C-alpha atoms as a PDB file:
ATOM      1  CA  MET A   1      61.825  68.969 -16.764  1.00  0.00           C
ATOM      2  CA  SER A   2      64.446  66.676 -15.383  1.00  0.00           C
ATOM      3  CA  ALA A   3      65.543  63.399 -16.928  1.00  0.00           C
ATOM      4  CA  GLU A   4      63.961  61.453 -14.071  1.00  0.00           C
ATOM      5  CA  THR A   5      60.573  63.065 -14.660  1.00  0.00           C
ATOM      6  CA  VAL A   6      60.715  62.230 -18.358  1.00  0.00           C
ATOM      7  CA  ALA A   7      61.681  58.628 -17.573  1.00  0.00           C
ATOM      8  CA  VAL A   8      58.764  58.269 -15.164  1.00  0.00           C
ATOM      9  CA  GLU A   9      56.336  59.715 -17.716  1.00  0.00           C
ATOM     10  CA  VAL A  10      57.614  57.346 -20.424  1.00  0.00           C
ATOM     11  CA  ALA A  11      57.240  54.374 -18.091  1.00  0.00           C
ATOM     12  CA  ALA A  12      53.708  55.471 -17.171  1.00  0.00           C
ATOM     13  CA  ALA A  13      52.788  55.839 -20.837  1.00  0.00           C
ATOM     14  CA  ALA A  14      54.158  52.356 -21.613  1.00  0.00           C
ATOM     15  CA  ALA A  15      52.213  50.834 -18.724  1.00  0.00           C
ATOM     16  CA  SER A  16      49.066  52.626 -19.855  1.00  0.00           C
ATOM     17  CA  ALA A  17      49.512  51.352 -23.410  1.00  0.00           C
ATOM     18  CA  ALA A  18      49.966  47.780 -22.157  1.00  0.00           C
ATOM     19  CA  GLY A  19      46.818  48.089 -20.054  1.00  0.00           C
ATOM     20  CA  LEU A  20      44.790  49.422 -22.959  1.00  0.00           C
ATOM     21  CA  LYS A  21      46.038  46.549 -25.135  1.00  0.00           C
ATOM     22  CA  ALA A  22      44.790  44.088 -22.523  1.00  0.00           C
ATOM     23  CA  VAL A  23      41.414  45.822 -22.349  1.00  0.00           C
ATOM     24  CA  GLY A  24      41.139  45.750 -26.151  1.00  0.00           C
ATOM     25  CA  ALA A  25      42.029  42.062 -26.263  1.00  0.00           C
ATOM     26  CA  GLY A  26      39.461  41.282 -23.594  1.00  0.00           C
ATOM     27  CA  LEU A  27      36.792  43.227 -25.435  1.00  0.00           C
ATOM     28  CA  ALA A  28      37.638  41.482 -28.710  1.00  0.00           C
ATOM     29  CA  VAL A  29      37.174  38.012 -27.243  1.00  0.00           C
ATOM     30  CA  GLY A  30      34.296  38.919 -24.924  1.00  0.00           C
ATOM     31  CA  LEU A  31      32.141  40.739 -27.440  1.00  0.00           C
ATOM     32  CA  ALA A  32      32.834  38.121 -30.107  1.00  0.00           C
ATOM     33  CA  GLY A  33      31.759  35.419 -27.655  1.00  0.00           C
ATOM     34  CA  ILE A  34      28.578  37.252 -26.685  1.00  0.00           C
ATOM     35  CA  GLY A  35      27.684  37.866 -30.327  1.00  0.00           C
ATOM     36  CA  SER A  36      28.353  34.262 -31.220  1.00  0.00           C
ATOM     37  CA  GLY A  37      26.236  33.050 -28.313  1.00  0.00           C
ATOM     38  CA  LEU A  38      23.334  35.260 -29.316  1.00  0.00           C
ATOM     39  CA  GLY A  39      23.567  34.070 -32.903  1.00  0.00           C
ATOM     40  CA  GLU A  40      23.833  30.435 -31.932  1.00  0.00           C
ATOM     41  CA  MET A  41      20.855  30.705 -29.588  1.00  0.00           C
ATOM     42  CA  GLY A  42      18.331  30.856 -32.395  1.00  0.00           C
ATOM     43  CA  ILE A  43      20.255  28.610 -34.754  1.00  0.00           C
ATOM     44  CA  GLY A  44      20.623  25.819 -32.192  1.00  0.00           C
ATOM     45  CA  ALA A  45      16.936  25.789 -31.345  1.00  0.00           C
ATOM     46  CA  ALA A  46      15.914  25.711 -35.001  1.00  0.00           C
ATOM     47  CA  ALA A  47      18.505  23.054 -35.812  1.00  0.00           C
ATOM     48  CA  MET A  48      17.314  20.735 -33.057  1.00  0.00           C
ATOM     49  CA  GLY A  49      13.719  21.219 -34.183  1.00  0.00           C
ATOM     50  CA  ALA A  50      14.680  20.319 -37.743  1.00  0.00           C
ATOM     51  CA  VAL A  51      16.597  17.228 -36.605  1.00  0.00           C
ATOM     52  CA  ALA A  52      13.647  16.139 -34.453  1.00  0.00           C
ATOM     53  CA  GLU A  53      11.422  16.188 -37.526  1.00  0.00           C
ATOM     54  CA  ASN A  54      13.911  14.758 -40.035  1.00  0.00           C
ATOM     55  CA  LYS A  55      16.994  12.798 -38.930  1.00  0.00           C
ATOM     56  CA  ASP A  56      18.704  13.419 -42.301  1.00  0.00           C
ATOM     57  CA  MET A  57      19.098  17.106 -41.411  1.00  0.00           C
ATOM     58  CA  PHE A  58      21.683  16.375 -38.679  1.00  0.00           C
ATOM     59  CA  GLY A  59      24.783  17.174 -40.770  1.00  0.00           C
ATOM     60  CA  LEU A  60      23.394  20.441 -42.076  1.00  0.00           C
ATOM     61  CA  ALA A  61      22.135  21.398 -38.619  1.00  0.00           C
ATOM     62  CA  LEU A  62      25.550  20.699 -37.121  1.00  0.00           C
ATOM     63  CA  LEU A  63      27.208  22.829 -39.795  1.00  0.00           C
ATOM     64  CA  PHE A  64      24.848  25.748 -39.144  1.00  0.00           C
ATOM     65  CA  THR A  65      25.405  25.402 -35.398  1.00  0.00           C
ATOM     66  CA  VAL A  66      29.202  25.518 -35.731  1.00  0.00           C
ATOM     67  CA  LEU A  67      29.353  28.494 -38.134  1.00  0.00           C
ATOM     68  CA  PRO A  68      28.856  31.264 -35.530  1.00  0.00           C
ATOM     69  CA  GLU A  69      31.695  29.848 -33.431  1.00  0.00           C
ATOM     70  CA  THR A  70      34.198  30.851 -36.101  1.00  0.00           C
ATOM     71  CA  ILE A  71      33.574  34.480 -35.139  1.00  0.00           C
ATOM     72  CA  VAL A  72      35.032  33.753 -31.696  1.00  0.00           C
ATOM     73  CA  ILE A  73      38.161  32.378 -33.350  1.00  0.00           C
ATOM     74  CA  PHE A  74      38.524  35.659 -35.246  1.00  0.00           C
ATOM     75  CA  GLY A  75      38.148  37.550 -31.965  1.00  0.00           C
ATOM     76  CA  LEU A  76      40.843  35.362 -30.415  1.00  0.00           C
ATOM     77  CA  VAL A  77      43.176  36.031 -33.343  1.00  0.00           C
ATOM     78  CA  VAL A  78      42.651  39.773 -32.941  1.00  0.00           C
ATOM     79  CA  ALA A  79      43.337  39.488 -29.204  1.00  0.00           C
ATOM     80  CA  LEU A  80      46.550  37.541 -29.803  1.00  0.00           C
ATOM     81  CA  LEU A  81      47.688  40.084 -32.386  1.00  0.00           C
ATOM     82  CA  LEU A  82      47.067  42.886 -29.892  1.00  0.00           C
ATOM     83  CA  MET A  83      48.827  41.179 -27.013  1.00  0.00           C
ATOM     84  CA  PHE A  84      51.944  40.063 -28.903  1.00  0.00           C
ATOM     85  CA  GLN A  85      52.474  43.167 -31.007  1.00  0.00           C
END
């Protein structure tokens, strides 16, 4: 093997690693967003039903609606750690 062949293979491996990091970061944010949306789907409907019956439930309903969105923040943190490693 010549030095040029080794250099090309190293460059290809580095490009492949960077591409796989980007795919992993995209999956981290995308799947976290889909999971959060599915979780919030049922919570939001139940929360609005509870608020429609009792206006004092608004704060608790808002808290329960916001909780699944923290999972997306964790997915974003994982994506940022992957991209800037």
